[in-house]
Amino acid sequence: MVGTEFLTVFKQVVILFILIFIGFFCSKKKIFTEEGIKSITKFVLFFVTPCVIINSFNRTFDSHVLKNLGIVSLLAVGVHIINILLARLLVREKEDSRLRVYRYGVIFSNCGYMALPLQSALLGNEGVFYGAAFIAVFNLFTWTYGVAEMGGKISLKKIFLNPGVIGIGIGLVLFLTPFKLPYVLEIPVASLAALNTPLPMLVIGFYLSKIESLRIIGNLSFVWSVFFRLIFAPMVILGLLYVLQIKGIISHVIIIACTTPAAANTTMFAALYNRDKEVAAAMVSISTLFAIVTMPLIITLAMKLC
C-alpha cells in the first residue's frame, strides 16, 4: 500500500517536472519571452485561480463536508501562523532584500499549482474541494502578511478584492445555496480551472532557465531556506497532526499542501516590491527541483501515520 502511494505521488510529481522542462526548453529556444511569461502569470492570477475555487465549490451542499471545510480552513490558518514563526525564528540573511524573499518562500507553499493535481489523484474531488479551502486561506495571508513581509503596504482593497477572495465569495454562494452555474458557464470555468497546473509549471520552467549564477544556490542562507520549505516546516506540521490525532482526508490535504515548494508568486511579489527577483526565481525553481524527492517521501509517510 505504501509503495503504491509513493509511486502515485512520484508519477504525479514527474508529470509536473515534464511541464517544467517544456517551459525551460521553450525559454531556451526563445519561444517564450519575458513579456509573454508576465502575461501568462497575470492570466493565471486573475482568471485561472478564481476559476479553480469556483469550480471546486460548484457542488451540492453537504453539512458533513461543510464541517470538514471549516476544519481544513482553521488548520490552514494554523499552518501559515506556524510557518511565519519558523521563518522569523530560523531564517537568517544579512541583506534585507534577500531575507524577505527567503522568509516569504518558507512561509508560502505552492499549494495551488502543485498540490491540487496531487490532491485530485490521491484524494479525488473531495480532496480538491478541501484543497481549494487551503488556497483561499493562502490568498488571505499572501495579500496581508505576504505583502507586509515583502515591504509593501497592506491594502484593504487588495485583501477583499483580490482574485482569490472574489473566487471564494462566488464559490461559497454556489456551495451554500441552491444556485449552481448554468452549463454555458460551468464548462468555461472548468476549462480555465484545468489550466491551473500546466501554465504555472511552464512559468517556473522559464525562470529556471534564467538562473545565471550558481553562486546564489551555494549561499548558505538559500540552502537553509530551501531545507526549511521542503523538509523542516512540513515535518513540524506532520508532527503536530500526528500528536493531535488528525487523520484521514483532512490531514492528507494539509500535508500535500505543506510539502510543495516555494509559492510560484514569490517571484511575482519580489518583482512587484523591488526585492531580489533572481533569488526569488532561484528559490522557486530549485525548491521545485528538489521537491521531486521530498514530496513523495513526506506524503507517503503522512499517509502511513495519519
Protein backbone atom coordinates (compact mmCIF):
# COMPACT_ATOMS: atom_id res chain seq x y z
CA MET A 1 0.00 0.00 0.00
CA VAL A 2 2.76 2.42 0.99
CA GLY A 3 4.71 1.54 -2.17
CA THR A 4 1.62 2.18 -4.29
CA GLU A 5 1.06 5.58 -2.66
CA PHE A 6 4.72 6.51 -3.17
CA LEU A 7 4.58 5.58 -6.86
CA THR A 8 1.32 7.52 -7.35
CA VAL A 9 2.81 10.66 -5.79
CA PHE A 10 6.11 10.18 -7.63
CA LYS A 11 4.37 9.83 -11.01
CA GLN A 12 2.34 12.99 -10.43
CA VAL A 13 5.46 14.93 -9.45
CA VAL A 14 7.27 13.64 -12.56
CA ILE A 15 4.35 14.88 -14.70
CA LEU A 16 4.79 18.34 -13.18
CA PHE A 17 8.52 18.26 -13.92
CA ILE A 18 7.90 17.34 -17.54
CA LEU A 19 5.78 20.50 -17.82
CA ILE A 20 8.55 22.49 -16.13
CA PHE A 21 11.08 21.09 -18.61
CA ILE A 22 8.85 22.16 -21.51
CA GLY A 23 8.84 25.70 -20.09
CA PHE A 24 12.63 25.52 -19.71
CA PHE A 25 13.02 24.29 -23.31
CA CYS A 26 10.68 26.95 -24.73
CA SER A 27 12.65 29.64 -22.93
CA LYS A 28 15.99 28.43 -24.27
CA LYS A 29 14.53 28.27 -27.80
CA LYS A 30 13.13 31.81 -27.45
CA ILE A 31 9.55 30.55 -27.86
CA PHE A 32 8.68 32.22 -24.54
CA THR A 33 9.64 35.82 -23.84
CA GLU A 34 9.77 37.76 -20.58
CA GLU A 35 6.72 39.79 -21.57
CA GLY A 36 4.82 36.69 -22.62
CA ILE A 37 5.52 34.99 -19.29
CA LYS A 38 4.38 38.08 -17.40
CA SER A 39 1.12 37.97 -19.36
CA ILE A 40 0.65 34.27 -18.56
CA THR A 41 1.31 34.97 -14.87
CA LYS A 42 -1.32 37.71 -14.79
CA PHE A 43 -3.79 35.50 -16.66
CA VAL A 44 -3.32 32.70 -14.11
CA LEU A 45 -3.65 35.09 -11.18
CA PHE A 46 -6.75 36.94 -12.38
CA PHE A 47 -8.66 34.21 -14.22
CA VAL A 48 -7.39 30.69 -13.58
CA THR A 49 -7.02 30.87 -9.77
CA PRO A 50 -10.57 32.12 -9.06
CA CYS A 51 -11.96 29.58 -11.55
CA VAL A 52 -10.25 26.75 -9.63
CA ILE A 53 -12.03 27.81 -6.44
CA ILE A 54 -15.39 28.42 -8.15
CA ASN A 55 -15.20 25.10 -9.98
CA SER A 56 -14.43 23.22 -6.74
CA PHE A 57 -17.25 24.89 -4.79
CA ASN A 58 -19.84 24.40 -7.55
CA ARG A 59 -21.33 21.33 -5.85
CA THR A 60 -24.34 20.22 -3.80
CA PHE A 61 -24.39 21.36 -0.16
CA ASP A 62 -23.42 18.75 2.45
CA SER A 63 -23.29 19.55 6.20
CA HIS A 64 -20.52 17.00 6.85
CA VAL A 65 -18.43 18.47 4.03
CA LEU A 66 -19.08 21.97 5.41
CA LYS A 67 -17.78 20.86 8.83
CA ASN A 68 -14.62 19.43 7.27
CA LEU A 69 -14.25 22.59 5.20
CA GLY A 70 -14.21 24.63 8.41
CA ILE A 71 -11.63 22.31 10.00
CA VAL A 72 -9.35 22.48 6.94
CA SER A 73 -9.64 26.28 6.89
CA LEU A 74 -8.70 26.56 10.58
CA LEU A 75 -5.78 24.18 10.11
CA ALA A 76 -4.64 26.19 7.08
CA VAL A 77 -4.62 29.33 9.24
CA GLY A 78 -2.58 27.44 11.86
CA VAL A 79 -0.12 26.21 9.22
CA HIS A 80 0.56 29.73 7.98
CA ILE A 81 0.99 31.09 11.52
CA ILE A 82 3.46 28.29 12.35
CA ASN A 83 5.35 28.93 9.10
CA ILE A 84 5.55 32.64 9.92
CA LEU A 85 7.01 31.86 13.36
CA LEU A 86 9.51 29.38 11.90
CA ALA A 87 10.60 31.85 9.22
CA ARG A 88 11.03 34.68 11.72
CA LEU A 89 12.98 32.49 14.15
CA LEU A 90 15.15 30.43 11.81
CA VAL A 91 15.78 32.27 8.53
CA ARG A 92 18.92 34.41 8.62
CA GLU A 93 20.40 36.70 5.95
CA LYS A 94 22.31 40.00 6.22
CA GLU A 95 20.86 41.56 3.07
CA ASP A 96 17.29 42.69 3.79
CA SER A 97 16.03 42.22 0.22
CA ARG A 98 17.07 38.56 0.20
CA LEU A 99 15.92 37.97 3.77
CA ARG A 100 12.39 38.98 2.87
CA VAL A 101 12.40 36.69 -0.18
CA TYR A 102 13.68 33.74 1.87
CA ARG A 103 11.06 34.27 4.56
CA TYR A 104 8.29 34.55 2.00
CA GLY A 105 9.41 31.35 0.29
CA VAL A 106 9.47 29.45 3.59
CA ILE A 107 6.04 30.71 4.68
CA PHE A 108 4.12 30.27 1.44
CA SER A 109 3.97 26.95 -0.40
CA ASN A 110 2.90 26.23 -3.96
CA CYS A 111 -0.39 24.91 -2.55
CA GLY A 112 -2.43 25.69 -5.64
CA TYR A 113 -0.43 24.84 -8.71
CA MET A 114 1.36 21.73 -7.42
CA ALA A 115 -0.85 20.49 -4.57
CA LEU A 116 -4.19 20.34 -6.40
CA PRO A 117 -3.11 17.76 -9.02
CA LEU A 118 -1.80 15.52 -6.24
CA GLN A 119 -4.92 16.03 -4.12
CA SER A 120 -7.02 15.14 -7.14
CA ALA A 121 -5.00 12.00 -7.96
CA LEU A 122 -4.78 10.73 -4.37
CA LEU A 123 -7.99 12.01 -2.78
CA GLY A 124 -10.45 12.65 -5.61
CA ASN A 125 -12.86 15.58 -5.99
CA GLU A 126 -13.35 15.96 -2.24
CA GLY A 127 -9.60 16.42 -1.82
CA VAL A 128 -9.63 19.17 -4.45
CA PHE A 129 -12.57 20.84 -2.66
CA TYR A 130 -10.70 20.97 0.66
CA GLY A 131 -7.53 21.92 -1.19
CA ALA A 132 -9.37 24.96 -2.55
CA ALA A 133 -10.15 25.98 1.06
CA PHE A 134 -6.41 25.88 1.83
CA ILE A 135 -5.78 28.05 -1.24
CA ALA A 136 -8.40 30.51 0.00
CA VAL A 137 -6.54 30.93 3.31
CA PHE A 138 -3.26 31.15 1.40
CA ASN A 139 -4.67 34.04 -0.63
CA LEU A 140 -5.76 35.90 2.50
CA PHE A 141 -2.29 35.55 4.04
CA THR A 142 -0.39 36.46 0.86
CA TRP A 143 -2.29 39.72 0.44
CA THR A 144 -1.85 40.65 4.11
CA TYR A 145 1.24 39.24 5.81
CA GLY A 146 2.89 38.37 2.49
CA VAL A 147 2.64 41.97 1.27
CA ALA A 148 3.94 43.26 4.62
CA GLU A 149 6.85 40.78 4.57
CA MET A 150 7.92 41.98 1.14
CA GLY A 151 7.80 45.56 2.39
CA GLY A 152 4.62 46.69 0.70
CA LYS A 153 1.63 48.49 2.16
CA ILE A 154 -1.36 46.38 3.09
CA SER A 155 -4.39 47.48 1.09
CA LEU A 156 -7.91 46.64 2.25
CA LYS A 157 -8.97 46.76 -1.38
CA LYS A 158 -6.41 44.08 -2.31
CA ILE A 159 -7.37 41.96 0.72
CA PHE A 160 -11.05 41.82 -0.15
CA LEU A 161 -10.98 42.35 -3.92
CA ASN A 162 -8.09 40.11 -4.96
CA PRO A 163 -8.97 37.32 -7.45
CA GLY A 164 -8.73 34.55 -4.85
CA VAL A 165 -11.15 36.17 -2.41
CA ILE A 166 -13.60 37.00 -5.20
CA GLY A 167 -13.45 33.34 -6.22
CA ILE A 168 -14.13 32.31 -2.60
CA GLY A 169 -17.14 34.62 -2.39
CA ILE A 170 -18.70 33.27 -5.58
CA GLY A 171 -17.80 29.70 -4.60
CA LEU A 172 -19.43 29.94 -1.17
CA VAL A 173 -22.64 31.27 -2.72
CA LEU A 174 -22.70 28.29 -5.07
CA PHE A 175 -21.99 25.78 -2.28
CA LEU A 176 -24.28 27.21 0.42
CA THR A 177 -27.28 27.98 -1.80
CA PRO A 178 -29.30 26.01 -4.38
CA PHE A 179 -27.83 28.17 -7.15
CA LYS A 180 -25.35 26.43 -9.43
CA LEU A 181 -23.51 27.55 -12.54
CA PRO A 182 -25.50 27.04 -15.73
CA TYR A 183 -23.91 24.72 -18.27
CA VAL A 184 -22.77 27.58 -20.54
CA LEU A 185 -20.73 28.99 -17.61
CA GLU A 186 -19.79 25.71 -15.93
CA ILE A 187 -17.79 24.42 -18.91
CA PRO A 188 -15.70 27.60 -19.46
CA VAL A 189 -14.97 27.83 -15.72
CA ALA A 190 -13.93 24.15 -15.61
CA SER A 191 -11.79 24.63 -18.72
CA LEU A 192 -9.96 27.59 -17.20
CA ALA A 193 -9.53 25.71 -13.90
CA ALA A 194 -7.84 22.88 -15.82
CA LEU A 195 -5.06 25.32 -16.78
CA ASN A 196 -4.12 25.74 -13.10
CA THR A 197 -1.25 23.25 -13.31
CA PRO A 198 0.27 23.43 -16.83
CA LEU A 199 0.59 27.21 -17.15
CA PRO A 200 2.36 27.86 -13.80
CA MET A 201 4.71 24.92 -14.41
CA LEU A 202 5.70 26.45 -17.76
CA VAL A 203 6.36 29.74 -15.96
CA ILE A 204 8.58 28.00 -13.37
CA GLY A 205 10.50 26.31 -16.19
CA PHE A 206 11.03 29.69 -17.85
CA TYR A 207 12.50 31.22 -14.67
CA LEU A 208 14.62 28.12 -14.03
CA SER A 209 16.29 28.75 -17.40
CA LYS A 210 17.10 32.33 -16.38
CA ILE A 211 19.26 31.49 -13.36
CA GLU A 212 22.63 32.85 -14.46
CA SER A 213 24.73 32.37 -11.35
CA LEU A 214 25.20 29.22 -9.28
CA ARG A 215 26.57 31.49 -6.56
CA ILE A 216 23.01 32.08 -5.33
CA ILE A 217 22.39 28.35 -4.96
CA GLY A 218 25.61 27.94 -2.94
CA ASN A 219 24.60 30.63 -0.44
CA LEU A 220 24.09 29.01 2.98
CA SER A 221 21.00 31.09 3.77
CA PHE A 222 19.49 29.99 0.46
CA VAL A 223 20.21 26.32 1.19
CA TRP A 224 18.72 26.51 4.68
CA SER A 225 15.63 28.32 3.38
CA VAL A 226 15.01 25.58 0.81
CA PHE A 227 15.53 22.96 3.56
CA PHE A 228 13.03 24.72 5.83
CA ARG A 229 10.49 24.95 2.99
CA LEU A 230 10.75 21.36 1.76
CA ILE A 231 11.56 19.33 4.87
CA PHE A 232 11.58 21.11 8.23
CA ALA A 233 8.28 23.02 8.03
CA PRO A 234 6.27 20.07 6.57
CA MET A 235 7.69 17.70 9.21
CA VAL A 236 6.73 20.12 12.00
CA ILE A 237 3.16 20.21 10.65
CA LEU A 238 3.10 16.42 10.25
CA GLY A 239 4.27 16.00 13.84
CA LEU A 240 1.51 18.30 15.11
CA LEU A 241 -1.17 16.50 13.07
CA TYR A 242 0.05 13.18 14.49
CA VAL A 243 0.03 14.45 18.09
CA LEU A 244 -3.44 15.99 17.64
CA GLN A 245 -4.64 12.72 16.04
CA ILE A 246 -6.00 14.47 12.96
CA LYS A 247 -6.30 11.71 10.39
CA GLY A 248 -7.80 10.83 7.03
CA ILE A 249 -8.53 13.13 4.14
CA ILE A 250 -8.19 16.32 6.21
CA SER A 251 -4.63 15.57 7.32
CA HIS A 252 -3.69 14.38 3.82
CA VAL A 253 -4.95 17.60 2.20
CA ILE A 254 -2.94 19.68 4.68
CA ILE A 255 0.27 17.70 4.28
CA ILE A 256 0.12 17.66 0.48
CA ALA A 257 -0.28 21.46 0.52
CA CYS A 258 2.59 21.86 3.01
CA THR A 259 5.13 19.68 1.18
CA THR A 260 5.06 21.70 -2.03
CA PRO A 261 7.97 24.04 -2.87
CA ALA A 262 8.07 27.83 -2.55
CA ALA A 263 4.98 29.56 -3.92
CA ALA A 264 5.12 30.43 -7.60
CA ASN A 265 4.09 34.00 -6.76
CA THR A 266 7.31 34.51 -4.75
CA THR A 267 8.91 35.81 -7.94
CA MET A 268 5.91 37.98 -8.79
CA PHE A 269 5.84 39.61 -5.35
CA ALA A 270 9.62 40.12 -5.38
CA ALA A 271 9.33 41.98 -8.69
CA LEU A 272 6.30 43.93 -7.50
CA TYR A 273 8.01 45.21 -4.34
CA ASN A 274 11.55 45.60 -5.74
CA ARG A 275 13.12 42.68 -3.90
CA ASP A 276 15.80 40.33 -5.28
CA LYS A 277 13.96 38.83 -8.25
CA GLU A 278 16.79 36.48 -9.25
CA VAL A 279 16.95 34.98 -5.76
CA ALA A 280 13.16 34.63 -5.74
CA ALA A 281 13.21 32.82 -9.09
CA ALA A 282 16.04 30.59 -7.88
CA MET A 283 14.19 29.68 -4.68
CA VAL A 284 11.03 28.75 -6.56
CA SER A 285 12.90 26.81 -9.23
CA ILE A 286 15.42 24.98 -7.02
CA SER A 287 12.89 24.08 -4.34
CA THR A 288 10.64 22.76 -7.11
CA LEU A 289 13.56 20.72 -8.46
CA PHE A 290 14.29 19.04 -5.11
CA ALA A 291 10.59 18.52 -4.39
CA ILE A 292 10.61 15.57 -6.78
CA VAL A 293 12.36 13.66 -3.97
CA THR A 294 10.97 15.25 -0.80
CA MET A 295 7.27 15.37 -1.70
CA PRO A 296 6.74 11.64 -2.37
CA LEU A 297 8.67 10.69 0.78
CA ILE A 298 6.87 13.02 3.19
CA ILE A 299 3.40 12.49 1.69
CA THR A 300 3.84 8.71 1.83
CA LEU A 301 4.99 8.95 5.47
CA ALA A 302 1.98 11.14 6.28
CA MET A 303 -0.45 8.68 4.72
CA LYS A 304 1.08 5.91 6.82
CA LEU A 305 0.96 7.87 10.10
CA CYS A 306 -2.26 9.84 9.61
